[in-house]
Amino acid sequence: MSELDGTWTEESDWAVGDMTEDSDDAEVAIAQPVLAVVGRPNVGKSTLVNRLLGRREAVVQDIPGVTRDRVAYDALWNGRKFTVVDTGGWEPSAKGLQGAVAAQAELAMRTADAIVVVVDSTVGATATDEAVARVLRRSDRPVLLVANKVDDERRLPDVASLWSLGLGEPYPVSSLHGRGSGDLLDAILAALPETPRETFGATGGPRRVALIGKPNVGKSSLLNRLVGEQRSVVDSVAGTTVDPVDSLVELDGQVWRFVDTAGLRKKVNTASGMEYYASLRTKGAIDAAEVVIVLLDASEPISDQDLRVLSMVIDSGKAMVLALNKWDLLDEDRRYLLDKELDRELTRLPWPERINISAQTGRSVAKLAPALRTALTSWDQRVGTGALNSWLSDLIAATPPPVRSGKQPKVLFATQAQTRPPTIVLFTTGFLEAGYRRFIERKFRETFGFTGSPVRISVRVREKKARK
């Protein structure tokens, strides 16, 4: 049917928004020079990063040690783009978790094109600042010294004492109020090269992958396994990751952009402080991703937290792969119980591919890349209108919609309105029960595939025009 008379109202099993055109293809990755922001804990590095970006990205809280990983953000100043890497507090003699944080900061300095070292002007140069300066004086990268927390003219005399660090002229800045930030940005652009010293060597735009799961499920361990280095700080204490951590990873001959995220403990609207902003960053990482790897701890029963994470990803409409981590810890009894739990808890989520992995040992991690490709192919897939309506006519002829209020609704026409995620719109003469819509989705998947991608079924009911 080429034309449909009457008006249409929409009802859907999913909260489907307005129909839009397909998203653009993956953007081409353009190499940008990298600026690393380093310093001892609680000198205001993340606040300065937010000031340089002109937006609140880095998690900030008035306690030391909130930032732990090195986290990259895109920045723009006077028409030039560059990457800002926020780092955890650097303590040269730190051990354990803080030692891992310091190692991340050192790696950021080695891979950066320029370095900003932040010192608290209200405290002056400490022994830790002097140790940082000794290392940076040996660096072949340009180094800019920032005297932070210079909120007014009265603090300017304190800045002069920082010349003793041997890092050149200190830039007086108030990260909180923005004082001196413009001059600092001009100096940063002057210090940064036009092109970065190190590029990843990718020619196309990497597809974006988010690693999502409850705390301590093994997200950072998996990212480190994929990268082949200690990219994210890993500790047995749950909640080590706060900011999303970006990494370019080559898997099976293809480059991917992986984002490690904070473990989701609570709903965003019930979290507070650092946890609230970490939850917002995680939600933002999902929204920016194209495909999501949801990690479940196979050694523990599926929890409400796991189901909440899955619901968040389903609502986002992103492609999905389920990774059952810590498989090396399972015995036969636990594997039997896990099968029962998956059948019971995920009965309405049969479409993501499930992979049994161990981030610790590397078991089956190589299977992630093919699963990601399959999910993204499904997410981008479109079924032609002719093929869709021919299939739907045969399906409805064999199993018509249930009668409602003495009338049987008719499906007049169907079209795939969009991809990413695939959204099917049915134009009907009456309401279709939710169970029948799920039946259509199940049969649609059996015929056309769509493994790893959600499929949304939207129904528009024709309303007869009132007689005059």
Protein backbone atom coordinates (compact mmCIF):
# COMPACT_ATOMS: atom_id res chain seq x y z
CA MET A 1 0.00 0.00 0.00
CA SER A 2 1.62 3.24 -1.11
CA GLU A 3 -0.71 5.68 0.64
CA LEU A 4 -2.46 5.39 3.95
CA ASP A 5 -5.65 7.27 4.74
CA GLY A 6 -6.49 8.61 8.16
CA THR A 7 -4.32 9.77 11.04
CA TRP A 8 -1.92 7.72 13.13
CA THR A 9 -1.12 7.40 16.81
CA GLU A 10 1.85 5.50 18.15
CA GLU A 11 2.09 2.81 20.81
CA SER A 12 5.18 0.76 21.37
CA ASP A 13 6.58 -1.97 23.61
CA TRP A 14 9.72 0.17 23.79
CA ALA A 15 10.00 3.89 24.42
CA VAL A 16 10.82 4.67 20.82
CA GLY A 17 11.63 8.29 20.02
CA ASP A 18 11.15 10.13 16.79
CA MET A 19 12.24 8.37 13.66
CA THR A 20 15.52 9.79 12.43
CA GLU A 21 17.84 9.12 9.56
CA ASP A 22 20.65 6.64 9.97
CA SER A 23 23.65 7.76 11.97
CA ASP A 24 26.75 8.75 10.07
CA ASP A 25 29.47 6.21 9.52
CA ALA A 26 32.17 5.89 12.16
CA GLU A 27 34.21 9.06 12.28
CA VAL A 28 37.77 9.05 11.02
CA ALA A 29 40.32 9.12 13.80
CA ILE A 30 42.52 12.21 13.52
CA ALA A 31 45.78 12.15 15.45
CA GLN A 32 46.02 15.00 17.96
CA PRO A 33 48.94 16.15 20.11
CA VAL A 34 48.69 14.98 23.71
CA LEU A 35 49.05 17.06 26.88
CA ALA A 36 49.55 15.22 30.20
CA VAL A 37 48.49 16.93 33.45
CA VAL A 38 50.48 15.60 36.43
CA GLY A 39 51.20 16.49 40.05
CA ARG A 40 50.88 15.19 43.56
CA PRO A 41 47.42 14.30 44.95
CA ASN A 42 44.81 17.01 45.60
CA VAL A 43 46.55 19.96 43.93
CA GLY A 44 43.57 20.48 41.61
CA LYS A 45 44.60 18.59 38.46
CA SER A 46 41.09 17.45 37.53
CA THR A 47 39.67 20.92 38.22
CA LEU A 48 42.33 22.35 35.91
CA VAL A 49 41.47 19.75 33.26
CA ASN A 50 37.81 20.81 33.38
CA ARG A 51 38.90 24.44 33.05
CA LEU A 52 41.08 23.65 30.01
CA LEU A 53 38.22 21.72 28.41
CA GLY A 54 35.66 24.41 29.16
CA ARG A 55 33.25 21.79 30.47
CA ARG A 56 32.91 19.43 33.45
CA GLU A 57 34.29 16.07 32.37
CA ALA A 58 36.81 14.92 34.98
CA VAL A 59 35.37 13.72 38.30
CA VAL A 60 36.18 16.25 41.04
CA GLN A 61 35.71 15.88 44.78
CA ASP A 62 37.34 17.61 47.75
CA ILE A 63 39.28 14.54 48.84
CA PRO A 64 42.65 13.33 47.50
CA GLY A 65 42.93 10.33 45.19
CA VAL A 66 39.63 10.56 43.27
CA THR A 67 41.38 10.21 39.88
CA ARG A 68 43.29 6.93 39.59
CA ASP A 69 43.63 6.07 35.91
CA ARG A 70 44.97 8.21 33.09
CA VAL A 71 41.90 9.56 31.29
CA ALA A 72 41.91 11.29 27.89
CA TYR A 73 39.61 14.12 26.81
CA ASP A 74 39.35 16.09 23.57
CA ALA A 75 40.06 19.83 23.91
CA LEU A 76 39.76 22.80 21.55
CA TRP A 77 41.39 26.23 21.88
CA ASN A 78 41.74 28.92 19.21
CA GLY A 79 40.77 26.46 16.49
CA ARG A 80 43.35 23.81 17.45
CA LYS A 81 42.37 20.42 18.78
CA PHE A 82 44.47 18.49 21.26
CA THR A 83 44.05 15.71 23.81
CA VAL A 84 44.26 16.36 27.55
CA VAL A 85 45.21 13.39 29.76
CA ASP A 86 44.21 13.66 33.41
CA THR A 87 46.23 11.48 35.80
CA GLY A 88 46.09 10.30 39.37
CA GLY A 89 48.19 11.90 42.08
CA TRP A 90 51.88 11.08 41.63
CA GLU A 91 53.72 9.88 44.72
CA PRO A 92 57.17 8.61 43.60
CA SER A 93 57.53 6.25 46.60
CA ALA A 94 53.93 5.02 46.68
CA LYS A 95 53.12 1.32 47.10
CA GLY A 96 50.15 -0.86 46.28
CA LEU A 97 47.16 0.87 44.71
CA GLN A 98 48.78 4.31 44.92
CA GLY A 99 51.88 2.85 43.31
CA ALA A 100 49.78 1.67 40.38
CA VAL A 101 48.25 5.14 40.13
CA ALA A 102 51.74 6.68 40.05
CA ALA A 103 52.76 4.22 37.32
CA GLN A 104 49.82 5.42 35.21
CA ALA A 105 50.98 9.03 35.62
CA GLU A 106 54.54 8.10 34.61
CA LEU A 107 53.26 6.30 31.50
CA ALA A 108 51.16 9.35 30.58
CA MET A 109 54.29 11.52 30.76
CA ARG A 110 56.29 9.14 28.55
CA THR A 111 53.62 9.14 25.83
CA ALA A 112 52.67 12.86 25.94
CA ASP A 113 53.87 15.62 23.63
CA ALA A 114 53.90 18.22 26.44
CA ILE A 115 53.46 18.07 30.21
CA VAL A 116 51.71 20.39 32.66
CA VAL A 117 52.81 19.90 36.27
CA VAL A 118 50.43 21.36 38.85
CA VAL A 119 51.60 22.71 42.23
CA ASP A 120 49.43 24.08 45.04
CA SER A 121 50.58 27.71 45.45
CA THR A 122 49.00 27.94 48.92
CA VAL A 123 51.30 25.18 50.19
CA GLY A 124 54.43 25.85 48.13
CA ALA A 125 56.90 23.30 46.80
CA THR A 126 56.82 20.11 48.86
CA ALA A 127 59.30 17.25 48.87
CA THR A 128 57.00 15.38 46.49
CA ASP A 129 56.86 18.37 44.12
CA GLU A 130 60.68 18.52 44.13
CA ALA A 131 60.85 14.78 43.34
CA VAL A 132 58.42 15.31 40.45
CA ALA A 133 60.50 18.25 39.19
CA ARG A 134 63.72 16.18 39.23
CA VAL A 135 62.12 13.62 36.92
CA LEU A 136 60.60 16.24 34.62
CA ARG A 137 63.86 18.15 34.24
CA ARG A 138 65.28 15.04 32.55
CA SER A 139 62.31 14.78 30.17
CA ASP A 140 62.71 15.68 26.50
CA ARG A 141 59.09 16.95 26.46
CA PRO A 142 58.15 20.62 26.98
CA VAL A 143 57.11 21.17 30.62
CA LEU A 144 54.82 23.93 31.87
CA LEU A 145 54.68 24.66 35.60
CA VAL A 146 51.25 25.74 36.91
CA ALA A 147 50.89 27.43 40.29
CA ASN A 148 47.27 26.57 41.07
CA LYS A 149 44.82 28.15 43.54
CA VAL A 150 46.01 31.72 42.86
CA ASP A 151 42.51 33.07 43.39
CA ASP A 152 43.47 36.76 43.78
CA GLU A 153 46.39 39.21 43.70
CA ARG A 154 47.37 38.43 47.28
CA ARG A 155 48.55 34.95 46.24
CA LEU A 156 50.94 36.19 43.54
CA PRO A 157 54.00 36.57 45.85
CA ASP A 158 53.70 32.86 46.72
CA VAL A 159 54.24 31.98 43.06
CA ALA A 160 57.78 33.36 42.89
CA SER A 161 59.11 30.70 45.26
CA LEU A 162 58.25 27.98 42.71
CA TRP A 163 61.10 29.11 40.44
CA SER A 164 63.25 26.95 42.73
CA LEU A 165 61.83 23.81 41.09
CA GLY A 166 63.90 24.54 37.98
CA LEU A 167 60.98 24.09 35.57
CA GLY A 168 60.93 27.65 34.28
CA GLU A 169 58.39 30.41 34.87
CA PRO A 170 55.34 29.29 36.87
CA TYR A 171 51.94 30.21 35.44
CA PRO A 172 49.63 31.58 38.15
CA VAL A 173 46.19 30.03 37.65
CA SER A 174 42.95 29.61 39.55
CA SER A 175 41.39 26.43 38.16
CA LEU A 176 38.27 27.06 40.22
CA HIS A 177 37.63 30.61 39.00
CA GLY A 178 39.43 30.57 35.64
CA ARG A 179 42.00 33.22 36.48
CA GLY A 180 45.00 32.95 34.14
CA SER A 181 43.59 29.96 32.22
CA GLY A 182 43.59 31.80 28.87
CA ASP A 183 47.29 32.65 29.11
CA LEU A 184 48.02 29.05 30.10
CA LEU A 185 46.10 27.69 27.10
CA ASP A 186 48.05 29.99 24.77
CA ALA A 187 51.30 28.68 26.27
CA ILE A 188 50.09 25.08 25.89
CA LEU A 189 49.39 25.59 22.18
CA ALA A 190 52.84 27.10 21.73
CA ALA A 191 54.45 24.08 23.44
CA LEU A 192 52.46 21.39 21.61
CA PRO A 193 53.65 20.19 18.19
CA GLU A 194 51.29 20.34 15.22
CA THR A 195 51.19 16.54 15.06
CA PRO A 196 51.78 14.02 17.87
CA ARG A 197 55.08 12.22 18.22
CA GLU A 198 53.32 8.86 18.49
CA THR A 199 50.29 7.74 16.50
CA PHE A 200 48.50 4.45 16.61
CA GLY A 201 48.76 3.75 12.92
CA ALA A 202 45.07 3.31 12.28
CA THR A 203 43.70 4.55 8.97
CA GLY A 204 39.99 4.26 9.69
CA GLY A 205 37.80 5.37 12.56
CA PRO A 206 37.73 2.79 15.37
CA ARG A 207 34.34 1.50 16.50
CA ARG A 208 33.55 2.54 20.07
CA VAL A 209 33.17 -0.17 22.72
CA ALA A 210 32.12 0.42 26.35
CA LEU A 211 33.01 -2.07 29.11
CA ILE A 212 30.12 -2.07 31.59
CA GLY A 213 29.38 -4.03 34.75
CA LYS A 214 29.00 -3.85 38.50
CA PRO A 215 32.07 -3.06 40.65
CA ASN A 216 34.89 -5.61 40.76
CA VAL A 217 33.50 -7.73 37.94
CA GLY A 218 36.83 -7.54 36.08
CA LYS A 219 36.38 -4.68 33.60
CA SER A 220 39.81 -3.15 34.14
CA SER A 221 41.48 -6.57 34.14
CA LEU A 222 39.85 -7.35 30.80
CA LEU A 223 40.95 -4.01 29.33
CA ASN A 224 44.52 -4.62 30.50
CA ARG A 225 44.41 -8.10 28.95
CA LEU A 226 43.19 -6.68 25.63
CA VAL A 227 45.69 -3.81 25.59
CA GLY A 228 48.58 -5.96 26.71
CA GLU A 229 49.69 -3.46 29.35
CA GLN A 230 48.59 -2.09 32.72
CA ARG A 231 46.21 0.43 31.11
CA SER A 232 43.72 0.62 34.00
CA VAL A 233 44.49 0.50 37.70
CA VAL A 234 43.35 -2.86 39.10
CA ASP A 235 42.86 -3.60 42.79
CA SER A 236 40.87 -6.15 44.80
CA VAL A 237 38.92 -3.26 46.34
CA ALA A 238 35.69 -2.66 44.41
CA GLY A 239 35.28 0.74 42.76
CA THR A 240 38.90 1.44 41.75
CA THR A 241 37.91 2.97 38.40
CA VAL A 242 36.12 6.33 38.64
CA ASP A 243 36.53 7.99 35.23
CA PRO A 244 35.95 6.26 31.87
CA VAL A 245 39.36 5.23 30.46
CA ASP A 246 39.88 5.28 26.68
CA SER A 247 42.25 2.89 24.93
CA LEU A 248 42.88 2.14 21.28
CA VAL A 249 43.18 -1.64 21.00
CA GLU A 250 44.01 -3.80 17.99
CA LEU A 251 42.07 -7.06 18.04
CA ASP A 252 42.05 -9.59 15.23
CA GLY A 253 43.53 -7.06 12.79
CA GLN A 254 41.03 -4.28 13.60
CA VAL A 255 41.44 -1.20 15.79
CA TRP A 256 38.76 -0.56 18.45
CA ARG A 257 38.32 2.27 20.94
CA PHE A 258 37.63 0.66 24.32
CA VAL A 259 36.25 2.61 27.28
CA ASP A 260 36.64 1.13 30.78
CA THR A 261 34.03 2.58 33.13
CA ALA A 262 33.23 2.83 36.82
CA GLY A 263 31.22 -0.03 38.28
CA LEU A 264 27.56 0.90 38.66
CA ARG A 265 26.52 0.49 42.30
CA LYS A 266 23.32 2.53 42.38
CA LYS A 267 20.91 4.29 40.09
CA VAL A 268 22.23 7.67 39.00
CA ASN A 269 19.46 9.54 40.82
CA THR A 270 20.25 7.82 44.15
CA ALA A 271 24.05 8.09 44.00
CA SER A 272 25.91 10.99 45.60
CA GLY A 273 29.24 12.79 45.44
CA MET A 274 32.01 11.06 43.51
CA GLU A 275 29.74 8.07 42.84
CA TYR A 276 27.10 10.33 41.28
CA TYR A 277 29.55 11.86 38.79
CA ALA A 278 31.13 8.48 38.07
CA SER A 279 27.63 7.14 37.27
CA LEU A 280 27.04 10.06 34.93
CA ARG A 281 30.35 9.36 33.16
CA THR A 282 29.40 5.69 32.80
CA LYS A 283 26.02 6.59 31.32
CA GLY A 284 27.79 9.02 29.00
CA ALA A 285 30.21 6.26 27.95
CA ILE A 286 27.26 4.02 27.04
CA ASP A 287 25.60 6.81 25.07
CA ALA A 288 28.84 7.51 23.17
CA ALA A 289 29.52 3.82 22.44
CA GLU A 290 28.27 1.80 19.50
CA VAL A 291 28.54 -1.60 21.15
CA VAL A 292 28.68 -2.52 24.83
CA ILE A 293 30.38 -5.49 26.47
CA VAL A 294 28.42 -6.27 29.64
CA LEU A 295 30.55 -8.23 32.08
CA LEU A 296 28.89 -10.62 34.53
CA ASP A 297 30.78 -12.40 37.30
CA ALA A 298 30.14 -16.04 36.47
CA SER A 299 31.36 -17.13 39.91
CA GLU A 300 28.51 -15.26 41.68
CA PRO A 301 24.71 -15.37 41.32
CA ILE A 302 23.21 -12.82 38.94
CA SER A 303 22.34 -9.81 41.10
CA ASP A 304 19.93 -6.89 40.92
CA GLN A 305 22.96 -4.74 40.03
CA ASP A 306 23.64 -6.95 36.99
CA LEU A 307 20.02 -6.67 35.86
CA ARG A 308 20.09 -2.90 36.35
CA VAL A 309 23.21 -2.64 34.18
CA LEU A 310 21.57 -4.77 31.48
CA SER A 311 18.42 -2.62 31.58
CA MET A 312 20.51 0.54 31.15
CA VAL A 313 22.22 -0.88 28.06
CA ILE A 314 18.93 -2.16 26.58
CA ASP A 315 17.32 1.25 27.09
CA SER A 316 20.27 2.89 25.31
CA GLY A 317 19.60 0.86 22.16
CA LYS A 318 23.25 -0.12 21.71
CA ALA A 319 24.58 -3.38 20.32
CA MET A 320 25.60 -5.80 23.07
CA VAL A 321 27.88 -8.72 23.88
CA LEU A 322 27.57 -10.62 27.16
CA ALA A 323 30.90 -11.71 28.66
CA LEU A 324 30.73 -14.16 31.58
CA ASN A 325 34.01 -13.44 33.35
CA LYS A 326 36.01 -15.44 35.93
CA TRP A 327 35.11 -18.68 34.19
CA ASP A 328 38.33 -20.18 35.53
CA LEU A 329 36.85 -20.08 39.05
CA LEU A 330 33.78 -22.23 38.23
CA ASP A 331 33.30 -25.85 39.17
CA GLU A 332 30.70 -28.17 37.62
CA ASP A 333 28.04 -27.35 40.23
CA ARG A 334 28.38 -23.61 39.66
CA ARG A 335 28.20 -24.04 35.87
CA TYR A 336 24.95 -25.97 36.23
CA LEU A 337 23.49 -23.29 38.51
CA LEU A 338 24.64 -20.54 36.15
CA ASP A 339 22.82 -22.11 33.21
CA LYS A 340 19.62 -22.17 35.29
CA GLU A 341 20.12 -18.53 36.37
CA LEU A 342 20.68 -17.35 32.79
CA ASP A 343 17.56 -19.16 31.58
CA ARG A 344 15.51 -17.66 34.41
CA GLU A 345 16.86 -14.10 34.66
CA LEU A 346 17.62 -13.43 31.00
CA THR A 347 14.69 -15.18 29.38
CA ARG A 348 13.77 -12.02 27.45
CA LEU A 349 17.36 -11.29 26.46
CA PRO A 350 18.25 -14.15 24.08
CA TRP A 351 19.80 -11.99 21.36
CA PRO A 352 23.28 -10.97 22.73
CA GLU A 353 26.06 -13.44 22.05
CA ARG A 354 27.40 -14.98 25.27
CA ILE A 355 31.10 -15.68 25.72
CA ASN A 356 32.67 -17.47 28.68
CA ILE A 357 35.96 -15.71 29.39
CA SER A 358 38.66 -15.25 32.01
CA ALA A 359 40.35 -11.86 31.99
CA GLN A 360 42.92 -13.26 34.44
CA THR A 361 44.09 -16.17 32.26
CA GLY A 362 43.03 -14.86 28.83
CA ARG A 363 40.59 -17.72 28.22
CA SER A 364 38.43 -17.10 25.10
CA VAL A 365 39.20 -13.35 25.10
CA ALA A 366 40.03 -13.71 21.38
CA LYS A 367 36.35 -14.52 20.73
CA LEU A 368 35.31 -10.99 21.67
CA ALA A 369 36.35 -9.37 18.38
CA PRO A 370 34.19 -11.64 16.14
CA ALA A 371 31.27 -11.20 18.54
CA LEU A 372 31.67 -7.40 18.43
CA ARG A 373 31.73 -7.44 14.63
CA THR A 374 28.60 -9.59 14.49
CA ALA A 375 26.74 -7.30 16.90
CA LEU A 376 27.72 -4.15 14.98
CA THR A 377 26.76 -5.69 11.63
CA SER A 378 23.32 -6.45 13.06
CA TRP A 379 23.08 -2.95 14.57
CA ASP A 380 23.74 -1.44 11.11
CA GLN A 381 21.57 -3.95 9.20
CA ARG A 382 18.54 -2.84 7.20
CA VAL A 383 15.79 -5.05 5.76
CA GLY A 384 14.21 -3.75 2.56
CA THR A 385 10.56 -2.69 2.70
CA GLY A 386 9.51 -5.23 0.06
CA ALA A 387 11.19 -8.16 1.79
CA LEU A 388 9.87 -7.04 5.17
CA ASN A 389 6.23 -6.78 4.03
CA SER A 390 6.37 -10.06 2.11
CA TRP A 391 7.68 -11.85 5.21
CA LEU A 392 5.16 -10.13 7.48
CA SER A 393 2.20 -11.03 5.25
CA ASP A 394 3.13 -14.73 5.39
CA LEU A 395 3.61 -14.55 9.17
CA ILE A 396 0.25 -12.85 9.81
CA ALA A 397 -1.55 -15.23 7.45
CA ALA A 398 -0.22 -18.16 9.48
CA THR A 399 -0.68 -16.53 12.91
CA PRO A 400 -3.03 -13.51 12.87
CA PRO A 401 -3.10 -10.99 15.72
CA PRO A 402 -5.40 -11.83 18.67
CA VAL A 403 -8.89 -10.36 18.66
CA ARG A 404 -9.34 -7.31 20.88
CA SER A 405 -12.76 -5.91 21.87
CA GLY A 406 -14.44 -8.12 19.28
CA LYS A 407 -12.26 -6.84 16.42
CA GLN A 408 -9.13 -8.24 14.88
CA PRO A 409 -6.53 -5.57 14.09
CA LYS A 410 -4.95 -5.59 10.66
CA VAL A 411 -1.34 -4.79 9.90
CA LEU A 412 -1.50 -2.61 6.77
CA PHE A 413 2.14 -1.85 6.17
CA ALA A 414 5.59 -2.17 7.76
CA THR A 415 8.89 -0.41 7.28
CA GLN A 416 12.27 -0.34 8.96
CA ALA A 417 12.37 3.30 9.99
CA GLN A 418 15.99 3.35 11.12
CA THR A 419 19.09 1.43 12.09
CA ARG A 420 21.27 1.84 15.18
CA PRO A 421 19.15 0.28 16.64
CA PRO A 422 16.96 -1.37 13.99
CA THR A 423 13.43 -0.03 14.47
CA ILE A 424 10.42 -1.60 12.75
CA VAL A 425 7.26 0.48 12.47
CA LEU A 426 3.96 -1.34 11.94
CA PHE A 427 0.96 0.66 10.63
CA THR A 428 -2.19 -1.04 11.89
CA THR A 429 -5.94 -0.58 12.28
CA GLY A 430 -5.88 -1.47 15.98
CA PHE A 431 -3.83 -2.13 19.08
CA LEU A 432 -1.37 -5.05 19.03
CA GLU A 433 -0.84 -6.88 22.31
CA ALA A 434 2.67 -6.76 23.79
CA GLY A 435 2.90 -10.54 23.55
CA TYR A 436 2.15 -10.44 19.83
CA ARG A 437 4.78 -7.76 19.28
CA ARG A 438 7.34 -9.96 21.04
CA PHE A 439 6.19 -12.84 18.82
CA ILE A 440 6.83 -10.70 15.72
CA GLU A 441 10.28 -9.75 17.01
CA ARG A 442 11.18 -13.38 17.73
CA LYS A 443 10.12 -14.53 14.26
CA PHE A 444 11.82 -11.53 12.69
CA ARG A 445 15.11 -12.53 14.32
CA GLU A 446 14.69 -16.15 13.24
CA THR A 447 14.40 -15.00 9.62
CA PHE A 448 16.78 -12.04 9.39
CA GLY A 449 19.26 -12.65 12.25
CA PHE A 450 20.21 -9.44 14.15
CA THR A 451 22.37 -11.30 16.70
CA GLY A 452 23.77 -8.85 19.23
CA SER A 453 21.47 -5.95 18.39
CA PRO A 454 18.20 -4.86 19.99
CA VAL A 455 15.22 -4.69 17.65
CA ARG A 456 12.49 -2.19 18.49
CA ILE A 457 8.92 -2.78 17.34
CA SER A 458 6.80 0.38 17.16
CA VAL A 459 3.10 0.35 16.26
CA ARG A 460 1.16 3.25 14.78
CA VAL A 461 -2.61 2.83 14.95
CA ARG A 462 -4.77 4.46 12.29
CA GLU A 463 -7.54 6.62 13.64
CA LYS A 464 -10.55 7.05 11.43
CA LYS A 465 -11.39 10.62 10.54
CA ALA A 466 -14.52 11.92 12.21
CA ARG A 467 -17.46 12.29 9.83
CA LYS A 468 -18.64 15.82 9.22
